[in-house]
Every structure is written in C-alpha cells, then in structure tokens.
Amino acid sequence: MDEQVAQLLTAVLERNELSHDDLISVWFTATPDLHSAFPAAAARGLGIVDVPLICAQELDIEDAMPRVVRVLAHIESDKPRSEITHVYLGAAAALRKDIAQ
C-alpha cells in the first residue's frame, strides 16, 4: 500500500504545484479490505512529518470498488478552486469520470 499511496500523494502535489509546506492537514480513507498498513505512514515516508494526518475506514458498501485509498488534503493556495486538479489513479478514475484527470 505504501508505494501506491506515495504515488497518489506525489501526483496530487505535482499536478497542483504544491509543496509539503502548502499542506495544512491530510485525511486518508481506505476501503475495509485494506488493512495491512496505515496510508498516513506512506506520507510520513515522503517526508510529510509536520502535518496532521488521520486515517479512517470507508463504509462497507455492497458492490463498492475494492482496494481504494482516498485523500482529502486541506491546502494553502492562491489558486481558484476551478484550477485545482483532482487526482484519481488506476481503476479509481472510474469513480469520478467528471473530474478525474
């Protein structure tokens, strides 16, 4: 899980031209089938050590896409919301075809 979460966080930061200093806090959720590691541990591995991080489990909904980690990042930015890039990697892009980049 660490590698995929690191890839997701890196994509979020790069596509939005953000640095670790722009992060205020980050909330991770994972589907119930993911229980081998905390997604926040991957963020710590990227050097995000002075930002509050929290992990939670998604609702266990029948027929929901399995093996999904979501990230909600609170950031400091002058960009208008319309210029923020929402990142969905791999099969997760099917979850929000309207905003997936």
N, C-alpha and C. Protein backbone atom coordinates (compact mmCIF):
# COMPACT_ATOMS: atom_id res chain seq x y z
N MET A 1 0.82 -1.19 0.00
CA MET A 1 0.00 0.00 0.00
C MET A 1 0.87 1.26 0.00
N ASP A 2 1.99 1.22 0.68
CA ASP A 2 2.83 2.41 0.79
C ASP A 2 3.21 2.99 -0.57
N GLU A 3 3.58 2.12 -1.49
CA GLU A 3 4.01 2.59 -2.81
C GLU A 3 2.87 3.29 -3.56
N GLN A 4 1.67 2.73 -3.51
CA GLN A 4 0.54 3.33 -4.22
C GLN A 4 0.11 4.64 -3.58
N VAL A 5 0.11 4.69 -2.25
CA VAL A 5 -0.26 5.93 -1.57
C VAL A 5 0.78 7.01 -1.84
N ALA A 6 2.04 6.64 -1.83
CA ALA A 6 3.10 7.61 -2.15
C ALA A 6 2.93 8.13 -3.58
N GLN A 7 2.58 7.24 -4.50
CA GLN A 7 2.35 7.65 -5.89
C GLN A 7 1.17 8.62 -5.97
N LEU A 8 0.10 8.35 -5.24
CA LEU A 8 -1.07 9.22 -5.24
C LEU A 8 -0.73 10.59 -4.66
N LEU A 9 -0.09 10.62 -3.50
CA LEU A 9 0.27 11.90 -2.88
C LEU A 9 1.22 12.71 -3.75
N THR A 10 2.18 12.05 -4.34
CA THR A 10 3.13 12.73 -5.22
C THR A 10 2.39 13.33 -6.41
N ALA A 11 1.45 12.60 -6.99
CA ALA A 11 0.68 13.12 -8.12
C ALA A 11 -0.16 14.32 -7.71
N VAL A 12 -0.79 14.26 -6.54
CA VAL A 12 -1.59 15.39 -6.06
C VAL A 12 -0.72 16.63 -5.91
N LEU A 13 0.44 16.47 -5.28
CA LEU A 13 1.33 17.62 -5.08
C LEU A 13 1.86 18.16 -6.40
N GLU A 14 2.34 17.29 -7.26
CA GLU A 14 2.93 17.74 -8.52
C GLU A 14 1.90 18.38 -9.44
N ARG A 15 0.76 17.75 -9.61
CA ARG A 15 -0.25 18.27 -10.55
C ARG A 15 -0.85 19.58 -10.10
N ASN A 16 -0.76 19.86 -8.79
CA ASN A 16 -1.29 21.12 -8.27
C ASN A 16 -0.18 22.10 -7.90
N GLU A 17 1.06 21.76 -8.26
CA GLU A 17 2.21 22.62 -7.99
C GLU A 17 2.29 22.98 -6.51
N LEU A 18 2.17 21.97 -5.66
CA LEU A 18 2.20 22.15 -4.22
C LEU A 18 3.49 21.57 -3.64
N SER A 19 3.88 22.09 -2.49
CA SER A 19 4.98 21.51 -1.73
C SER A 19 4.42 21.04 -0.39
N HIS A 20 5.25 20.36 0.38
CA HIS A 20 4.82 19.91 1.71
C HIS A 20 4.39 21.10 2.57
N ASP A 21 5.02 22.25 2.37
CA ASP A 21 4.70 23.45 3.16
C ASP A 21 3.29 23.97 2.90
N ASP A 22 2.69 23.60 1.77
CA ASP A 22 1.33 24.04 1.45
C ASP A 22 0.27 23.19 2.13
N LEU A 23 0.65 22.06 2.69
CA LEU A 23 -0.30 21.16 3.33
C LEU A 23 -0.65 21.66 4.73
N ILE A 24 -1.94 21.70 5.02
CA ILE A 24 -2.41 22.06 6.36
C ILE A 24 -2.73 20.80 7.14
N SER A 25 -3.47 19.89 6.52
CA SER A 25 -3.76 18.58 7.10
C SER A 25 -4.20 17.66 5.97
N VAL A 26 -4.11 16.36 6.23
CA VAL A 26 -4.48 15.38 5.21
C VAL A 26 -5.29 14.27 5.87
N TRP A 27 -6.41 13.94 5.24
CA TRP A 27 -7.29 12.88 5.72
C TRP A 27 -7.27 11.76 4.70
N PHE A 28 -7.00 10.56 5.15
CA PHE A 28 -6.99 9.38 4.29
C PHE A 28 -8.15 8.48 4.67
N THR A 29 -8.80 7.90 3.67
CA THR A 29 -9.74 6.81 3.94
C THR A 29 -9.32 5.62 3.09
N ALA A 30 -9.66 4.45 3.57
CA ALA A 30 -9.35 3.22 2.84
C ALA A 30 -10.56 2.30 2.92
N THR A 31 -10.77 1.55 1.86
CA THR A 31 -11.87 0.58 1.86
C THR A 31 -11.56 -0.51 2.89
N PRO A 32 -12.61 -1.16 3.42
CA PRO A 32 -12.42 -2.13 4.51
C PRO A 32 -11.50 -3.31 4.17
N ASP A 33 -11.30 -3.59 2.89
CA ASP A 33 -10.43 -4.71 2.52
C ASP A 33 -8.95 -4.36 2.64
N LEU A 34 -8.63 -3.11 2.86
CA LEU A 34 -7.23 -2.68 3.04
C LEU A 34 -6.95 -2.55 4.53
N HIS A 35 -6.16 -3.44 5.05
CA HIS A 35 -5.92 -3.42 6.49
C HIS A 35 -4.50 -3.84 6.85
N SER A 36 -3.57 -3.68 5.90
CA SER A 36 -2.19 -4.09 6.17
C SER A 36 -1.29 -2.94 6.62
N ALA A 37 -1.73 -1.70 6.39
CA ALA A 37 -0.89 -0.55 6.75
C ALA A 37 -1.76 0.70 6.84
N PHE A 38 -1.24 1.69 7.54
CA PHE A 38 -1.90 2.99 7.60
C PHE A 38 -1.46 3.81 6.39
N PRO A 39 -2.40 4.36 5.60
CA PRO A 39 -2.00 5.21 4.47
C PRO A 39 -1.13 6.39 4.92
N ALA A 40 -1.39 6.92 6.09
CA ALA A 40 -0.61 8.06 6.58
C ALA A 40 0.87 7.71 6.74
N ALA A 41 1.17 6.46 6.98
CA ALA A 41 2.58 6.05 7.12
C ALA A 41 3.34 6.30 5.83
N ALA A 42 2.68 6.14 4.69
CA ALA A 42 3.33 6.41 3.41
C ALA A 42 3.64 7.90 3.28
N ALA A 43 2.75 8.74 3.78
CA ALA A 43 3.01 10.19 3.75
C ALA A 43 4.22 10.53 4.60
N ARG A 44 4.32 9.92 5.75
CA ARG A 44 5.48 10.15 6.62
C ARG A 44 6.75 9.72 5.90
N GLY A 45 6.66 8.64 5.14
CA GLY A 45 7.81 8.16 4.38
C GLY A 45 8.25 9.12 3.29
N LEU A 46 7.33 9.99 2.84
CA LEU A 46 7.66 11.01 1.84
C LEU A 46 8.23 12.27 2.48
N GLY A 47 8.34 12.27 3.80
CA GLY A 47 8.87 13.45 4.48
C GLY A 47 7.80 14.40 4.99
N ILE A 48 6.55 14.01 4.88
CA ILE A 48 5.46 14.84 5.40
C ILE A 48 5.33 14.51 6.89
N VAL A 49 6.14 15.18 7.69
CA VAL A 49 6.24 14.81 9.10
C VAL A 49 5.68 15.86 10.06
N ASP A 50 5.46 17.07 9.58
CA ASP A 50 4.98 18.14 10.46
C ASP A 50 3.56 18.58 10.10
N VAL A 51 2.79 17.68 9.49
CA VAL A 51 1.42 17.96 9.07
C VAL A 51 0.51 16.95 9.76
N PRO A 52 -0.60 17.39 10.35
CA PRO A 52 -1.52 16.43 10.94
C PRO A 52 -2.10 15.50 9.86
N LEU A 53 -2.08 14.20 10.14
CA LEU A 53 -2.61 13.19 9.24
C LEU A 53 -3.57 12.31 10.02
N ILE A 54 -4.63 11.86 9.36
CA ILE A 54 -5.57 10.95 10.01
C ILE A 54 -6.03 9.92 8.99
N CYS A 55 -6.30 8.72 9.47
CA CYS A 55 -6.81 7.64 8.61
C CYS A 55 -8.18 7.21 9.13
N ALA A 56 -9.05 6.82 8.21
CA ALA A 56 -10.37 6.31 8.57
C ALA A 56 -10.76 5.24 7.56
N GLN A 57 -11.73 4.43 7.95
CA GLN A 57 -12.20 3.37 7.06
C GLN A 57 -13.47 3.83 6.35
N GLU A 58 -13.54 3.55 5.05
CA GLU A 58 -14.75 3.83 4.27
C GLU A 58 -15.89 2.93 4.75
N LEU A 59 -17.10 3.33 4.45
CA LEU A 59 -18.25 2.47 4.74
C LEU A 59 -18.14 1.18 3.95
N ASP A 60 -18.57 0.09 4.52
CA ASP A 60 -18.53 -1.21 3.87
C ASP A 60 -19.81 -1.38 3.05
N ILE A 61 -19.80 -0.83 1.85
CA ILE A 61 -20.98 -0.81 0.97
C ILE A 61 -20.88 -1.96 -0.03
N GLU A 62 -21.97 -2.69 -0.18
CA GLU A 62 -22.02 -3.79 -1.14
C GLU A 62 -21.74 -3.28 -2.55
N ASP A 63 -20.92 -3.98 -3.29
CA ASP A 63 -20.56 -3.67 -4.67
C ASP A 63 -19.71 -2.41 -4.83
N ALA A 64 -19.20 -1.87 -3.74
CA ALA A 64 -18.30 -0.71 -3.85
C ALA A 64 -16.96 -1.19 -4.42
N MET A 65 -16.26 -0.28 -5.09
CA MET A 65 -14.96 -0.62 -5.64
C MET A 65 -14.00 -0.98 -4.50
N PRO A 66 -13.35 -2.13 -4.60
CA PRO A 66 -12.42 -2.53 -3.55
C PRO A 66 -11.05 -1.88 -3.73
N ARG A 67 -10.25 -1.97 -2.68
CA ARG A 67 -8.84 -1.57 -2.69
C ARG A 67 -8.64 -0.10 -3.13
N VAL A 68 -9.40 0.78 -2.49
CA VAL A 68 -9.32 2.21 -2.82
C VAL A 68 -8.87 3.00 -1.59
N VAL A 69 -7.90 3.86 -1.79
CA VAL A 69 -7.48 4.83 -0.78
C VAL A 69 -7.84 6.20 -1.32
N ARG A 70 -8.51 6.99 -0.50
CA ARG A 70 -8.86 8.35 -0.88
C ARG A 70 -8.06 9.32 -0.01
N VAL A 71 -7.79 10.49 -0.57
CA VAL A 71 -7.04 11.52 0.14
C VAL A 71 -7.83 12.82 0.06
N LEU A 72 -8.05 13.44 1.19
CA LEU A 72 -8.64 14.77 1.26
C LEU A 72 -7.59 15.67 1.89
N ALA A 73 -7.00 16.53 1.08
CA ALA A 73 -5.92 17.39 1.55
C ALA A 73 -6.43 18.81 1.72
N HIS A 74 -6.22 19.35 2.89
CA HIS A 74 -6.50 20.77 3.15
C HIS A 74 -5.21 21.51 2.85
N ILE A 75 -5.29 22.47 1.94
CA ILE A 75 -4.07 23.11 1.46
C ILE A 75 -4.15 24.63 1.54
N GLU A 76 -2.98 25.23 1.53
CA GLU A 76 -2.83 26.69 1.42
C GLU A 76 -2.53 26.98 -0.05
N SER A 77 -3.41 27.75 -0.70
CA SER A 77 -3.21 28.01 -2.13
C SER A 77 -3.93 29.29 -2.54
N ASP A 78 -3.34 29.97 -3.51
CA ASP A 78 -3.99 31.14 -4.10
C ASP A 78 -4.79 30.76 -5.35
N LYS A 79 -4.72 29.50 -5.75
CA LYS A 79 -5.43 29.06 -6.95
C LYS A 79 -6.93 29.06 -6.71
N PRO A 80 -7.70 29.47 -7.72
CA PRO A 80 -9.15 29.30 -7.59
C PRO A 80 -9.49 27.81 -7.64
N ARG A 81 -10.60 27.44 -7.04
CA ARG A 81 -10.99 26.04 -6.99
C ARG A 81 -11.06 25.40 -8.37
N SER A 82 -11.43 26.19 -9.37
CA SER A 82 -11.53 25.65 -10.74
C SER A 82 -10.19 25.20 -11.30
N GLU A 83 -9.09 25.64 -10.71
CA GLU A 83 -7.76 25.27 -11.19
C GLU A 83 -7.12 24.14 -10.38
N ILE A 84 -7.83 23.66 -9.38
CA ILE A 84 -7.32 22.54 -8.58
C ILE A 84 -7.53 21.25 -9.36
N THR A 85 -6.51 20.42 -9.43
CA THR A 85 -6.58 19.15 -10.14
C THR A 85 -6.89 18.04 -9.14
N HIS A 86 -7.98 17.33 -9.38
CA HIS A 86 -8.35 16.17 -8.56
C HIS A 86 -7.74 14.93 -9.20
N VAL A 87 -7.07 14.13 -8.41
CA VAL A 87 -6.29 13.02 -8.93
C VAL A 87 -6.96 11.69 -8.58
N TYR A 88 -7.21 10.90 -9.61
CA TYR A 88 -7.72 9.54 -9.47
C TYR A 88 -6.81 8.66 -10.30
N LEU A 89 -6.14 7.72 -9.66
CA LEU A 89 -5.19 6.87 -10.36
C LEU A 89 -5.78 5.48 -10.60
N GLY A 90 -5.35 4.85 -11.67
CA GLY A 90 -5.77 3.49 -11.97
C GLY A 90 -7.27 3.35 -12.11
N ALA A 91 -7.80 2.26 -11.60
CA ALA A 91 -9.23 1.97 -11.72
C ALA A 91 -10.09 3.00 -11.00
N ALA A 92 -9.53 3.69 -10.01
CA ALA A 92 -10.29 4.69 -9.25
C ALA A 92 -10.78 5.84 -10.12
N ALA A 93 -10.18 6.04 -11.28
CA ALA A 93 -10.63 7.11 -12.19
C ALA A 93 -12.09 6.90 -12.58
N ALA A 94 -12.57 5.68 -12.54
CA ALA A 94 -13.97 5.39 -12.88
C ALA A 94 -14.94 5.92 -11.82
N LEU A 95 -14.45 6.23 -10.63
CA LEU A 95 -15.31 6.71 -9.56
C LEU A 95 -15.84 8.11 -9.84
N ARG A 96 -15.04 8.95 -10.48
CA ARG A 96 -15.44 10.33 -10.76
C ARG A 96 -14.96 10.71 -12.15
N LYS A 97 -15.60 10.16 -13.16
CA LYS A 97 -15.20 10.45 -14.54
C LYS A 97 -15.35 11.93 -14.87
N ASP A 98 -16.21 12.62 -14.13
CA ASP A 98 -16.45 14.04 -14.39
C ASP A 98 -15.27 14.92 -13.99
N ILE A 99 -14.47 14.50 -13.01
CA ILE A 99 -13.36 15.35 -12.57
C ILE A 99 -12.01 14.65 -12.58
N ALA A 100 -11.98 13.37 -12.89
CA ALA A 100 -10.70 12.65 -12.90
C ALA A 100 -9.81 13.21 -13.99
N GLN A 101 -8.53 13.41 -13.66
CA GLN A 101 -7.56 13.95 -14.62
C GLN A 101 -6.75 12.84 -15.20
